[in-house]
Amino acid sequence: MARGGARAGAGRKSKAEEINLIEKLKPLEDIAYKALQTGLTIGDFPFVKLFYEYYAGKPTDHMDVTTQGERLNNVPQEIIIKDFTKK
């Protein structure tokens, strides 16, 4: 069982490897663009979603890890302070 730490092949690829991959993919650019254009033209949702995630940016995810969806309205301040001071 792996316990973390450095492993062969782990981590970010080197800049040279990224450039090499881009050079290999460059001849397919026109085909990929046409496929995206076709998907957008017919209104295929995954193509539309992909386009807008790159064009306008992916919406930020909001994660509630503290209240389990409940509101914290009218919580006495001493309770909040008490919870933060627990160790």
C-alpha atoms as a PDB file:
ATOM      1  CA  MET A   1       0.000   0.000   0.000  1.00  0.00           C
ATOM      2  CA  ALA A   2       1.429   3.356  -1.044  1.00  0.00           C
ATOM      3  CA  ARG A   3       1.941   5.774   1.814  1.00  0.00           C
ATOM      4  CA  GLY A   4       2.612   8.962  -0.163  1.00  0.00           C
ATOM      5  CA  GLY A   5       5.910  10.651  -0.758  1.00  0.00           C
ATOM      6  CA  ALA A   6       7.965  10.844  -3.913  1.00  0.00           C
ATOM      7  CA  ARG A   7       7.192   8.253  -6.577  1.00  0.00           C
ATOM      8  CA  ALA A   8       8.570   7.629 -10.036  1.00  0.00           C
ATOM      9  CA  GLY A   9       6.486   9.437 -12.658  1.00  0.00           C
ATOM     10  CA  ALA A  10       4.613  11.519 -10.082  1.00  0.00           C
ATOM     11  CA  GLY A  11       4.360  15.287 -10.139  1.00  0.00           C
ATOM     12  CA  ARG A  12       4.186  17.853 -12.875  1.00  0.00           C
ATOM     13  CA  LYS A  13       5.623  17.011 -16.257  1.00  0.00           C
ATOM     14  CA  SER A  14       8.683  18.951 -17.349  1.00  0.00           C
ATOM     15  CA  LYS A  15       8.325  21.941 -19.666  1.00  0.00           C
ATOM     16  CA  ALA A  16      10.074  19.948 -22.412  1.00  0.00           C
ATOM     17  CA  GLU A  17       7.464  17.175 -22.116  1.00  0.00           C
ATOM     18  CA  GLU A  18       4.626  19.736 -22.291  1.00  0.00           C
ATOM     19  CA  ILE A  19       6.124  21.334 -25.397  1.00  0.00           C
ATOM     20  CA  ASN A  20       6.599  17.904 -26.992  1.00  0.00           C
ATOM     21  CA  LEU A  21       2.934  17.032 -26.362  1.00  0.00           C
ATOM     22  CA  ILE A  22       1.767  20.368 -27.800  1.00  0.00           C
ATOM     23  CA  GLU A  23       3.872  19.756 -30.923  1.00  0.00           C
ATOM     24  CA  LYS A  24       2.296  16.302 -31.342  1.00  0.00           C
ATOM     25  CA  LEU A  25      -1.218  17.703 -30.958  1.00  0.00           C
ATOM     26  CA  LYS A  26      -0.717  20.741 -33.232  1.00  0.00           C
ATOM     27  CA  PRO A  27      -1.633  18.872 -36.483  1.00  0.00           C
ATOM     28  CA  LEU A  28      -4.978  17.889 -34.907  1.00  0.00           C
ATOM     29  CA  GLU A  29      -5.949  21.446 -34.001  1.00  0.00           C
ATOM     30  CA  ASP A  30      -8.126  22.044 -37.083  1.00  0.00           C
ATOM     31  CA  ILE A  31      -9.911  18.709 -36.627  1.00  0.00           C
ATOM     32  CA  ALA A  32     -10.583  19.429 -32.950  1.00  0.00           C
ATOM     33  CA  TYR A  33     -11.857  22.918 -33.742  1.00  0.00           C
ATOM     34  CA  LYS A  34     -14.210  21.560 -36.425  1.00  0.00           C
ATOM     35  CA  ALA A  35     -15.495  18.869 -34.023  1.00  0.00           C
ATOM     36  CA  LEU A  36     -16.174  21.531 -31.383  1.00  0.00           C
ATOM     37  CA  GLN A  37     -17.871  23.718 -33.989  1.00  0.00           C
ATOM     38  CA  THR A  38     -20.047  20.792 -35.130  1.00  0.00           C
ATOM     39  CA  GLY A  39     -21.026  19.939 -31.557  1.00  0.00           C
ATOM     40  CA  LEU A  40     -21.926  23.570 -30.862  1.00  0.00           C
ATOM     41  CA  THR A  41     -23.887  23.865 -34.106  1.00  0.00           C
ATOM     42  CA  ILE A  42     -26.105  20.892 -33.292  1.00  0.00           C
ATOM     43  CA  GLY A  43     -26.482  22.055 -29.697  1.00  0.00           C
ATOM     44  CA  ASP A  44     -24.900  19.007 -28.075  1.00  0.00           C
ATOM     45  CA  PHE A  45     -24.738  20.050 -24.392  1.00  0.00           C
ATOM     46  CA  PRO A  46     -21.259  18.647 -23.500  1.00  0.00           C
ATOM     47  CA  PHE A  47     -19.748  20.705 -26.347  1.00  0.00           C
ATOM     48  CA  VAL A  48     -21.588  23.837 -25.213  1.00  0.00           C
ATOM     49  CA  LYS A  49     -20.488  23.270 -21.605  1.00  0.00           C
ATOM     50  CA  LEU A  50     -16.872  22.719 -22.629  1.00  0.00           C
ATOM     51  CA  PHE A  51     -16.897  25.838 -24.785  1.00  0.00           C
ATOM     52  CA  TYR A  52     -18.224  28.065 -22.022  1.00  0.00           C
ATOM     53  CA  GLU A  53     -15.915  26.602 -19.376  1.00  0.00           C
ATOM     54  CA  TYR A  54     -12.954  27.686 -21.479  1.00  0.00           C
ATOM     55  CA  TYR A  55     -14.483  30.869 -22.872  1.00  0.00           C
ATOM     56  CA  ALA A  56     -15.968  32.359 -19.703  1.00  0.00           C
ATOM     57  CA  GLY A  57     -14.288  30.245 -17.039  1.00  0.00           C
ATOM     58  CA  LYS A  58     -15.649  27.393 -14.995  1.00  0.00           C
ATOM     59  CA  PRO A  59     -18.031  28.499 -12.247  1.00  0.00           C
ATOM     60  CA  THR A  60     -16.579  28.267  -8.759  1.00  0.00           C
ATOM     61  CA  ASP A  61     -17.764  25.419  -6.576  1.00  0.00           C
ATOM     62  CA  HIS A  62     -19.181  26.348  -3.200  1.00  0.00           C
ATOM     63  CA  MET A  63     -18.636  23.747  -0.524  1.00  0.00           C
ATOM     64  CA  ASP A  64     -20.239  23.833   2.910  1.00  0.00           C
ATOM     65  CA  VAL A  65     -17.968  21.902   5.249  1.00  0.00           C
ATOM     66  CA  THR A  66     -19.112  23.379   8.561  1.00  0.00           C
ATOM     67  CA  THR A  67     -22.889  23.782   8.826  1.00  0.00           C
ATOM     68  CA  GLN A  68     -24.218  20.842   6.791  1.00  0.00           C
ATOM     69  CA  GLY A  69     -26.490  23.279   4.957  1.00  0.00           C
ATOM     70  CA  GLU A  70     -28.014  24.840   8.068  1.00  0.00           C
ATOM     71  CA  ARG A  71     -28.022  28.597   8.619  1.00  0.00           C
ATOM     72  CA  LEU A  72     -26.084  30.154  11.473  1.00  0.00           C
ATOM     73  CA  ASN A  73     -28.646  32.855  12.243  1.00  0.00           C
ATOM     74  CA  ASN A  74     -28.922  34.058  15.821  1.00  0.00           C
ATOM     75  CA  VAL A  75     -26.203  31.793  17.210  1.00  0.00           C
ATOM     76  CA  PRO A  76     -24.990  33.150  20.560  1.00  0.00           C
ATOM     77  CA  GLN A  77     -21.469  34.538  20.221  1.00  0.00           C
ATOM     78  CA  GLU A  78     -20.163  32.575  23.211  1.00  0.00           C
ATOM     79  CA  ILE A  79     -20.988  29.315  21.432  1.00  0.00           C
ATOM     80  CA  ILE A  80     -18.995  30.365  18.362  1.00  0.00           C
ATOM     81  CA  ILE A  81     -16.041  31.488  20.476  1.00  0.00           C
ATOM     82  CA  LYS A  82     -16.215  28.306  22.576  1.00  0.00           C
ATOM     83  CA  ASP A  83     -16.091  26.090  19.442  1.00  0.00           C
ATOM     84  CA  PHE A  84     -13.013  27.897  18.102  1.00  0.00           C
ATOM     85  CA  THR A  85     -11.123  27.544  21.367  1.00  0.00           C
ATOM     86  CA  LYS A  86     -11.549  23.760  21.612  1.00  0.00           C
ATOM     87  CA  LYS A  87      -8.410  21.749  21.038  1.00  0.00           C
END
